[in-house]
Amino acid sequence: MHFNPYGGAAAELAALLVNAEPDADLIRLLDDFGYRPITTLDAEQESRLREWVRRLDEIFTAPTVEALNTLLSETTSRPYISTHDNRPPHLHFAWEGDPMDERVRAYTAAGLATLFCEAPTRIGRCARPGCRLVFIDTSRNGRRRFCSTRCSTRVHVAEHRRRAG
């Protein structure tokens, strides 16, 4: 499926943040993802961002209009068009000079909201018991149930063994 680049990339960043280890280096994770501009996070900003990630995790469990509107209302969203870093015009939901935690919050909330409006069933959590990972379903048919082929294979092999045994 082809997503709106803003919503798709921002939703994918939300999934990446949720799937990261609890002590992951957030600045490195954002930089590796290609999030720009990268600035710094003081201890309070990092704490707020880690709490936000926990809130994003809840959205992957139960994406609803109400839950997403609550997240959106808690951001400093001010939509505008940007052309930073010689990139073509693209939409931003927070001013580039805002603290990075506020920008990431606005970006991920808007991305998940955009995706939800386009295709609400494409925000997913792995169906393998015991797996905590989440995903954005970019499959052609929109029927993805697992975070990876590894989890899918484990479930299907276990089902086969149950039937055969």
N, C-alpha and C. Protein backbone atom coordinates (compact mmCIF):
# COMPACT_ATOMS: atom_id res chain seq x y z
N MET A 1 0.85 -1.17 0.00
CA MET A 1 0.00 0.00 0.00
C MET A 1 0.89 1.23 0.00
N HIS A 2 0.49 2.24 -0.74
CA HIS A 2 1.22 3.50 -0.77
C HIS A 2 0.57 4.46 0.22
N PHE A 3 1.35 4.91 1.20
CA PHE A 3 0.85 5.84 2.21
C PHE A 3 1.23 7.26 1.86
N ASN A 4 0.47 8.19 2.36
CA ASN A 4 0.86 9.59 2.39
C ASN A 4 2.24 9.61 3.06
N PRO A 5 3.24 10.22 2.43
CA PRO A 5 4.60 10.16 2.99
C PRO A 5 4.69 10.72 4.40
N TYR A 6 3.93 11.77 4.69
CA TYR A 6 4.01 12.32 6.05
C TYR A 6 3.44 11.34 7.05
N GLY A 7 2.22 10.91 6.83
CA GLY A 7 1.58 9.99 7.78
C GLY A 7 2.31 8.67 7.87
N GLY A 8 2.73 8.12 6.73
CA GLY A 8 3.39 6.82 6.74
C GLY A 8 4.70 6.85 7.49
N ALA A 9 5.56 7.81 7.17
CA ALA A 9 6.87 7.89 7.83
C ALA A 9 6.69 8.19 9.31
N ALA A 10 5.80 9.08 9.65
CA ALA A 10 5.59 9.43 11.06
C ALA A 10 5.00 8.26 11.83
N ALA A 11 4.09 7.52 11.22
CA ALA A 11 3.53 6.34 11.87
C ALA A 11 4.61 5.27 12.03
N GLU A 12 5.46 5.12 11.03
CA GLU A 12 6.56 4.15 11.14
C GLU A 12 7.52 4.55 12.26
N LEU A 13 7.76 5.85 12.42
CA LEU A 13 8.61 6.29 13.53
C LEU A 13 7.93 5.96 14.86
N ALA A 14 6.63 6.13 14.94
CA ALA A 14 5.91 5.78 16.17
C ALA A 14 6.12 4.30 16.49
N ALA A 15 6.00 3.44 15.49
CA ALA A 15 6.20 2.00 15.70
C ALA A 15 7.65 1.72 16.13
N LEU A 16 8.60 2.38 15.49
CA LEU A 16 10.00 2.19 15.84
C LEU A 16 10.26 2.59 17.29
N LEU A 17 9.70 3.69 17.72
CA LEU A 17 9.88 4.14 19.10
C LEU A 17 9.26 3.15 20.08
N VAL A 18 8.06 2.67 19.77
CA VAL A 18 7.39 1.72 20.66
C VAL A 18 8.18 0.42 20.74
N ASN A 19 8.76 -0.02 19.62
CA ASN A 19 9.49 -1.29 19.59
C ASN A 19 10.91 -1.19 20.15
N ALA A 20 11.40 0.01 20.38
CA ALA A 20 12.76 0.20 20.89
C ALA A 20 12.88 -0.33 22.32
N GLU A 21 14.09 -0.72 22.67
CA GLU A 21 14.35 -1.14 24.05
C GLU A 21 14.09 0.05 24.98
N PRO A 22 13.64 -0.21 26.19
CA PRO A 22 13.31 0.89 27.11
C PRO A 22 14.45 1.87 27.38
N ASP A 23 15.70 1.40 27.29
CA ASP A 23 16.83 2.28 27.54
C ASP A 23 17.54 2.72 26.25
N ALA A 24 16.87 2.58 25.12
CA ALA A 24 17.48 2.93 23.84
C ALA A 24 17.89 4.40 23.81
N ASP A 25 18.95 4.70 23.09
CA ASP A 25 19.41 6.06 22.88
C ASP A 25 18.45 6.71 21.89
N LEU A 26 17.56 7.55 22.39
CA LEU A 26 16.51 8.13 21.54
C LEU A 26 17.06 9.03 20.46
N ILE A 27 18.09 9.78 20.75
CA ILE A 27 18.66 10.67 19.74
C ILE A 27 19.26 9.84 18.60
N ARG A 28 19.97 8.79 18.93
CA ARG A 28 20.55 7.93 17.89
C ARG A 28 19.43 7.27 17.08
N LEU A 29 18.39 6.79 17.76
CA LEU A 29 17.28 6.15 17.07
C LEU A 29 16.62 7.13 16.09
N LEU A 30 16.36 8.35 16.53
CA LEU A 30 15.76 9.37 15.66
C LEU A 30 16.68 9.73 14.51
N ASP A 31 17.96 9.85 14.79
CA ASP A 31 18.92 10.18 13.75
C ASP A 31 19.02 9.06 12.72
N ASP A 32 19.12 7.83 13.19
CA ASP A 32 19.18 6.68 12.27
C ASP A 32 17.93 6.58 11.40
N PHE A 33 16.80 6.97 11.95
CA PHE A 33 15.54 6.94 11.19
C PHE A 33 15.52 8.01 10.10
N GLY A 34 16.28 9.09 10.33
CA GLY A 34 16.30 10.19 9.37
C GLY A 34 15.45 11.37 9.82
N TYR A 35 15.05 11.36 11.08
CA TYR A 35 14.26 12.47 11.61
C TYR A 35 15.14 13.72 11.64
N ARG A 36 14.60 14.83 11.18
CA ARG A 36 15.34 16.09 11.14
C ARG A 36 14.45 17.25 11.55
N PRO A 37 15.02 18.28 12.13
CA PRO A 37 16.40 18.40 12.58
C PRO A 37 16.59 17.72 13.93
N ILE A 38 17.77 17.15 14.11
CA ILE A 38 18.14 16.52 15.38
C ILE A 38 18.73 17.60 16.27
N THR A 39 18.25 17.68 17.48
CA THR A 39 18.82 18.59 18.48
C THR A 39 19.16 17.75 19.71
N THR A 40 19.03 18.31 20.87
CA THR A 40 19.36 17.57 22.09
C THR A 40 18.09 17.36 22.92
N LEU A 41 18.20 16.46 23.87
CA LEU A 41 17.13 16.22 24.84
C LEU A 41 17.74 16.33 26.23
N ASP A 42 17.20 17.24 27.05
CA ASP A 42 17.65 17.23 28.44
C ASP A 42 16.90 16.11 29.16
N ALA A 43 17.22 15.90 30.42
CA ALA A 43 16.64 14.77 31.17
C ALA A 43 15.12 14.85 31.22
N GLU A 44 14.58 16.05 31.43
CA GLU A 44 13.12 16.21 31.50
C GLU A 44 12.46 15.93 30.14
N GLN A 45 13.06 16.43 29.07
CA GLN A 45 12.52 16.19 27.73
C GLN A 45 12.57 14.70 27.38
N GLU A 46 13.68 14.05 27.72
CA GLU A 46 13.79 12.62 27.46
C GLU A 46 12.73 11.84 28.24
N SER A 47 12.51 12.23 29.48
CA SER A 47 11.49 11.57 30.30
C SER A 47 10.10 11.75 29.67
N ARG A 48 9.80 12.97 29.22
CA ARG A 48 8.50 13.23 28.57
C ARG A 48 8.35 12.41 27.29
N LEU A 49 9.44 12.30 26.54
CA LEU A 49 9.38 11.54 25.30
C LEU A 49 9.19 10.05 25.58
N ARG A 50 9.86 9.53 26.60
CA ARG A 50 9.68 8.11 26.95
C ARG A 50 8.25 7.85 27.44
N GLU A 51 7.67 8.77 28.16
CA GLU A 51 6.26 8.63 28.57
C GLU A 51 5.36 8.66 27.34
N TRP A 52 5.68 9.52 26.39
CA TRP A 52 4.91 9.60 25.13
C TRP A 52 4.96 8.26 24.40
N VAL A 53 6.11 7.63 24.39
CA VAL A 53 6.25 6.33 23.72
C VAL A 53 5.31 5.31 24.37
N ARG A 54 5.20 5.35 25.68
CA ARG A 54 4.25 4.46 26.36
C ARG A 54 2.82 4.76 25.92
N ARG A 55 2.51 6.02 25.72
CA ARG A 55 1.17 6.41 25.24
C ARG A 55 0.94 5.93 23.81
N LEU A 56 1.98 6.03 22.98
CA LEU A 56 1.87 5.54 21.60
C LEU A 56 1.59 4.04 21.59
N ASP A 57 2.23 3.32 22.50
CA ASP A 57 2.03 1.88 22.61
C ASP A 57 0.54 1.56 22.80
N GLU A 58 -0.14 2.36 23.59
CA GLU A 58 -1.58 2.16 23.82
C GLU A 58 -2.37 2.31 22.53
N ILE A 59 -1.95 3.21 21.66
CA ILE A 59 -2.65 3.42 20.38
C ILE A 59 -2.55 2.17 19.53
N PHE A 60 -1.40 1.50 19.53
CA PHE A 60 -1.25 0.28 18.73
C PHE A 60 -2.13 -0.84 19.27
N THR A 61 -2.44 -0.80 20.57
CA THR A 61 -3.33 -1.80 21.16
C THR A 61 -4.78 -1.51 20.80
N ALA A 62 -5.17 -0.25 20.86
CA ALA A 62 -6.56 0.11 20.60
C ALA A 62 -6.63 1.47 19.92
N PRO A 63 -6.40 1.51 18.60
CA PRO A 63 -6.48 2.79 17.90
C PRO A 63 -7.93 3.23 17.74
N THR A 64 -8.26 4.34 18.36
CA THR A 64 -9.61 4.88 18.26
C THR A 64 -9.54 6.38 17.98
N VAL A 65 -10.63 6.91 17.49
CA VAL A 65 -10.71 8.34 17.25
C VAL A 65 -10.47 9.10 18.55
N GLU A 66 -11.09 8.65 19.61
CA GLU A 66 -10.97 9.34 20.90
C GLU A 66 -9.52 9.34 21.40
N ALA A 67 -8.88 8.18 21.33
CA ALA A 67 -7.49 8.08 21.83
C ALA A 67 -6.55 8.95 21.00
N LEU A 68 -6.72 8.92 19.68
CA LEU A 68 -5.86 9.74 18.83
C LEU A 68 -6.14 11.22 19.00
N ASN A 69 -7.40 11.60 19.15
CA ASN A 69 -7.71 13.01 19.39
C ASN A 69 -7.11 13.49 20.71
N THR A 70 -7.09 12.62 21.71
CA THR A 70 -6.47 12.98 22.99
C THR A 70 -4.99 13.25 22.79
N LEU A 71 -4.30 12.35 22.06
CA LEU A 71 -2.87 12.58 21.81
C LEU A 71 -2.65 13.88 21.04
N LEU A 72 -3.44 14.08 19.98
CA LEU A 72 -3.29 15.31 19.19
C LEU A 72 -3.48 16.55 20.05
N SER A 73 -4.43 16.51 20.96
CA SER A 73 -4.71 17.68 21.79
C SER A 73 -3.58 18.00 22.76
N GLU A 74 -2.73 17.02 23.02
CA GLU A 74 -1.62 17.20 23.96
C GLU A 74 -0.32 17.62 23.28
N THR A 75 -0.38 17.89 21.99
CA THR A 75 0.82 18.31 21.28
C THR A 75 0.77 19.81 21.01
N THR A 76 1.90 20.31 20.56
CA THR A 76 1.98 21.73 20.21
C THR A 76 1.78 21.91 18.71
N SER A 77 0.88 21.14 18.14
CA SER A 77 0.67 21.15 16.69
C SER A 77 0.30 22.53 16.16
N ARG A 78 1.07 22.93 15.16
CA ARG A 78 0.82 24.16 14.40
C ARG A 78 1.24 23.84 12.96
N PRO A 79 0.36 23.27 12.18
CA PRO A 79 0.75 22.83 10.84
C PRO A 79 1.28 23.97 9.97
N TYR A 80 2.34 23.67 9.24
CA TYR A 80 2.89 24.59 8.25
C TYR A 80 3.77 23.82 7.27
N ILE A 81 4.09 24.44 6.16
CA ILE A 81 4.92 23.81 5.14
C ILE A 81 6.36 24.22 5.36
N SER A 82 7.27 23.23 5.29
CA SER A 82 8.69 23.47 5.50
C SER A 82 9.49 22.99 4.29
N THR A 83 10.68 23.57 4.13
CA THR A 83 11.60 23.13 3.08
C THR A 83 13.02 22.98 3.64
N HIS A 84 13.14 22.62 4.92
CA HIS A 84 14.46 22.52 5.55
C HIS A 84 15.34 21.48 4.87
N ASP A 85 16.63 21.61 5.07
CA ASP A 85 17.63 20.67 4.58
C ASP A 85 17.52 20.40 3.07
N ASN A 86 17.15 21.43 2.31
CA ASN A 86 17.02 21.33 0.85
C ASN A 86 16.02 20.26 0.42
N ARG A 87 15.07 19.94 1.27
CA ARG A 87 14.03 18.97 0.94
C ARG A 87 12.89 19.68 0.24
N PRO A 88 12.11 18.97 -0.57
CA PRO A 88 10.95 19.60 -1.21
C PRO A 88 9.93 19.99 -0.13
N PRO A 89 9.00 20.86 -0.47
CA PRO A 89 8.00 21.27 0.51
C PRO A 89 7.30 20.06 1.13
N HIS A 90 7.20 20.09 2.44
CA HIS A 90 6.51 19.02 3.18
C HIS A 90 5.88 19.61 4.43
N LEU A 91 4.91 18.91 4.96
CA LEU A 91 4.14 19.40 6.09
C LEU A 91 4.84 19.12 7.40
N HIS A 92 4.86 20.12 8.26
CA HIS A 92 5.33 19.97 9.65
C HIS A 92 4.15 20.30 10.56
N PHE A 93 4.16 19.67 11.72
CA PHE A 93 3.10 19.94 12.69
C PHE A 93 3.61 20.65 13.93
N ALA A 94 4.89 20.93 13.98
CA ALA A 94 5.47 21.71 15.07
C ALA A 94 6.60 22.53 14.50
N TRP A 95 6.83 23.69 15.07
CA TRP A 95 7.87 24.59 14.59
C TRP A 95 9.23 23.93 14.74
N GLU A 96 10.10 24.11 13.76
CA GLU A 96 11.42 23.48 13.77
C GLU A 96 12.26 23.91 14.97
N GLY A 97 11.98 25.05 15.56
CA GLY A 97 12.72 25.54 16.71
C GLY A 97 12.20 25.03 18.04
N ASP A 98 11.08 24.32 18.03
CA ASP A 98 10.56 23.75 19.28
C ASP A 98 11.51 22.68 19.80
N PRO A 99 11.45 22.39 21.09
CA PRO A 99 12.27 21.30 21.63
C PRO A 99 11.95 20.00 20.88
N MET A 100 12.96 19.15 20.72
CA MET A 100 12.79 17.95 19.91
C MET A 100 11.70 17.04 20.44
N ASP A 101 11.55 16.92 21.76
CA ASP A 101 10.50 16.04 22.27
C ASP A 101 9.12 16.52 21.84
N GLU A 102 8.90 17.83 21.81
CA GLU A 102 7.61 18.37 21.37
C GLU A 102 7.39 18.12 19.88
N ARG A 103 8.44 18.26 19.09
CA ARG A 103 8.31 18.02 17.65
C ARG A 103 8.02 16.55 17.36
N VAL A 104 8.71 15.65 18.07
CA VAL A 104 8.48 14.21 17.86
C VAL A 104 7.06 13.85 18.28
N ARG A 105 6.59 14.41 19.36
CA ARG A 105 5.23 14.14 19.82
C ARG A 105 4.21 14.58 18.76
N ALA A 106 4.36 15.79 18.25
CA ALA A 106 3.44 16.29 17.23
C ALA A 106 3.52 15.45 15.96
N TYR A 107 4.73 15.10 15.56
CA TYR A 107 4.96 14.32 14.34
C TYR A 107 4.31 12.94 14.43
N THR A 108 4.57 12.22 15.52
CA THR A 108 4.04 10.86 15.64
C THR A 108 2.52 10.86 15.84
N ALA A 109 2.00 11.79 16.60
CA ALA A 109 0.54 11.86 16.78
C ALA A 109 -0.15 12.16 15.45
N ALA A 110 0.38 13.14 14.72
CA ALA A 110 -0.22 13.48 13.43
C ALA A 110 -0.08 12.33 12.44
N GLY A 111 1.06 11.64 12.48
CA GLY A 111 1.26 10.51 11.57
C GLY A 111 0.30 9.37 11.83
N LEU A 112 0.13 9.01 13.09
CA LEU A 112 -0.81 7.94 13.41
C LEU A 112 -2.25 8.37 13.11
N ALA A 113 -2.57 9.62 13.37
CA ALA A 113 -3.91 10.11 13.07
C ALA A 113 -4.17 10.10 11.56
N THR A 114 -3.18 10.51 10.78
CA THR A 114 -3.32 10.50 9.32
C THR A 114 -3.52 9.08 8.82
N LEU A 115 -2.70 8.16 9.31
CA LEU A 115 -2.83 6.76 8.90
C LEU A 115 -4.18 6.21 9.33
N PHE A 116 -4.61 6.51 10.53
CA PHE A 116 -5.90 6.02 11.03
C PHE A 116 -7.03 6.50 10.13
N CYS A 117 -6.96 7.76 9.69
CA CYS A 117 -8.02 8.29 8.81
C CYS A 117 -7.98 7.62 7.44
N GLU A 118 -6.80 7.25 6.96
CA GLU A 118 -6.68 6.61 5.65
C GLU A 118 -6.99 5.13 5.70
N ALA A 119 -6.51 4.45 6.74
CA ALA A 119 -6.64 2.99 6.82
C ALA A 119 -6.47 2.54 8.27
N PRO A 120 -7.52 2.63 9.08
CA PRO A 120 -7.39 2.35 10.52
C PRO A 120 -6.93 0.95 10.87
N THR A 121 -7.16 -0.02 10.00
CA THR A 121 -6.76 -1.40 10.33
C THR A 121 -5.29 -1.66 10.07
N ARG A 122 -4.55 -0.67 9.61
CA ARG A 122 -3.14 -0.87 9.30
C ARG A 122 -2.21 -0.50 10.45
N ILE A 123 -2.78 -0.17 11.58
CA ILE A 123 -2.02 0.05 12.81
C ILE A 123 -2.14 -1.24 13.60
N GLY A 124 -1.02 -1.97 13.77
CA GLY A 124 -1.15 -3.30 14.34
C GLY A 124 -0.18 -3.67 15.43
N ARG A 125 -0.56 -4.71 16.14
CA ARG A 125 0.28 -5.33 17.17
C ARG A 125 0.42 -6.80 16.79
N CYS A 126 1.60 -7.35 16.97
CA CYS A 126 1.89 -8.73 16.58
C CYS A 126 0.91 -9.69 17.26
N ALA A 127 0.39 -10.64 16.48
CA ALA A 127 -0.58 -11.60 16.98
C ALA A 127 0.06 -12.83 17.63
N ARG A 128 1.40 -12.91 17.63
CA ARG A 128 2.06 -14.05 18.28
C ARG A 128 2.02 -13.85 19.79
N PRO A 129 1.45 -14.79 20.52
CA PRO A 129 1.43 -14.66 21.98
C PRO A 129 2.84 -14.44 22.52
N GLY A 130 2.97 -13.46 23.39
CA GLY A 130 4.26 -13.17 24.00
C GLY A 130 5.09 -12.13 23.27
N CYS A 131 4.72 -11.79 22.05
CA CYS A 131 5.46 -10.76 21.31
C CYS A 131 4.82 -9.41 21.61
N ARG A 132 5.62 -8.44 21.95
CA ARG A 132 5.11 -7.11 22.30
C ARG A 132 5.24 -6.11 21.16
N LEU A 133 5.81 -6.52 20.03
CA LEU A 133 6.11 -5.58 18.95
C LEU A 133 4.86 -5.11 18.20
N VAL A 134 4.98 -3.91 17.65
CA VAL A 134 3.90 -3.31 16.87
C VAL A 134 4.41 -3.07 15.45
N PHE A 135 3.48 -2.77 14.55
CA PHE A 135 3.87 -2.54 13.17
C PHE A 135 2.86 -1.66 12.45
N ILE A 136 3.30 -1.13 11.33
CA ILE A 136 2.44 -0.43 10.40
C ILE A 136 2.30 -1.38 9.21
N ASP A 137 1.08 -1.76 8.88
CA ASP A 137 0.83 -2.74 7.82
C ASP A 137 0.93 -2.06 6.46
N THR A 138 2.02 -2.34 5.76
CA THR A 138 2.21 -1.80 4.42
C THR A 138 1.99 -2.88 3.36
N SER A 139 1.42 -4.01 3.77
CA SER A 139 1.18 -5.09 2.81
C SER A 139 0.14 -4.67 1.78
N ARG A 140 0.18 -5.31 0.66
CA ARG A 140 -0.75 -4.98 -0.43
C ARG A 140 -2.20 -5.23 -0.02
N ASN A 141 -2.46 -6.36 0.65
CA ASN A 141 -3.84 -6.71 0.97
C ASN A 141 -4.31 -6.20 2.33
N GLY A 142 -3.41 -5.65 3.14
CA GLY A 142 -3.81 -5.08 4.43
C GLY A 142 -4.22 -6.11 5.46
N ARG A 143 -3.68 -7.31 5.37
CA ARG A 143 -4.07 -8.37 6.31
C ARG A 143 -2.92 -8.83 7.20
N ARG A 144 -1.93 -8.03 7.35
CA ARG A 144 -0.77 -8.40 8.16
C ARG A 144 -1.21 -8.62 9.60
N ARG A 145 -0.70 -9.68 10.22
CA ARG A 145 -1.04 -9.99 11.61
C ARG A 145 0.19 -10.07 12.52
N PHE A 146 1.37 -10.14 11.92
CA PHE A 146 2.58 -10.36 12.71
C PHE A 146 3.61 -9.27 12.43
N CYS A 147 4.50 -9.06 13.39
CA CYS A 147 5.52 -8.03 13.25
C CYS A 147 6.60 -8.43 12.25
N SER A 148 6.77 -9.74 12.05
CA SER A 148 7.84 -10.22 11.17
C SER A 148 7.48 -11.60 10.65
N THR A 149 8.21 -12.03 9.63
CA THR A 149 7.99 -13.39 9.13
C THR A 149 8.43 -14.41 10.18
N ARG A 150 9.37 -14.04 11.01
CA ARG A 150 9.81 -14.95 12.08
C ARG A 150 8.66 -15.28 13.03
N CYS A 151 7.93 -14.26 13.48
CA CYS A 151 6.79 -14.51 14.37
C CYS A 151 5.69 -15.27 13.64
N SER A 152 5.44 -14.92 12.40
CA SER A 152 4.43 -15.62 11.61
C SER A 152 4.78 -17.10 11.48
N THR A 153 6.03 -17.38 11.17
CA THR A 153 6.48 -18.76 11.00
C THR A 153 6.33 -19.53 12.30
N ARG A 154 6.71 -18.94 13.41
CA ARG A 154 6.58 -19.62 14.70
C ARG A 154 5.14 -20.02 14.98
N VAL A 155 4.22 -19.10 14.74
CA VAL A 155 2.80 -19.39 14.99
C VAL A 155 2.30 -20.48 14.04
N HIS A 156 2.64 -20.36 12.77
CA HIS A 156 2.15 -21.34 11.80
C HIS A 156 2.77 -22.73 12.00
N VAL A 157 4.02 -22.80 12.39
CA VAL A 157 4.65 -24.09 12.69
C VAL A 157 3.99 -24.70 13.92
N ALA A 158 3.74 -23.91 14.94
CA ALA A 158 3.08 -24.42 16.15
C ALA A 158 1.67 -24.92 15.81
N GLU A 159 0.95 -24.18 14.97
CA GLU A 159 -0.40 -24.63 14.57
C GLU A 159 -0.32 -25.93 13.79
N HIS A 160 0.65 -26.04 12.91
CA HIS A 160 0.82 -27.27 12.12
C HIS A 160 1.13 -28.45 13.03
N ARG A 161 2.01 -28.26 13.99
CA ARG A 161 2.38 -29.34 14.91
C ARG A 161 1.19 -29.75 15.76
N ARG A 162 0.37 -28.79 16.17
CA ARG A 162 -0.83 -29.12 16.95
C ARG A 162 -1.78 -29.99 16.11
N ARG A 163 -1.97 -29.60 14.86
CA ARG A 163 -2.88 -30.36 13.99
C ARG A 163 -2.31 -31.75 13.67
N ALA A 164 -1.02 -31.82 13.44
CA ALA A 164 -0.38 -33.07 13.04
C ALA A 164 -0.15 -34.02 14.23
N GLY A 165 -0.05 -33.44 15.42
CA GLY A 165 0.33 -34.23 16.58
C GLY A 165 -0.80 -34.89 17.23
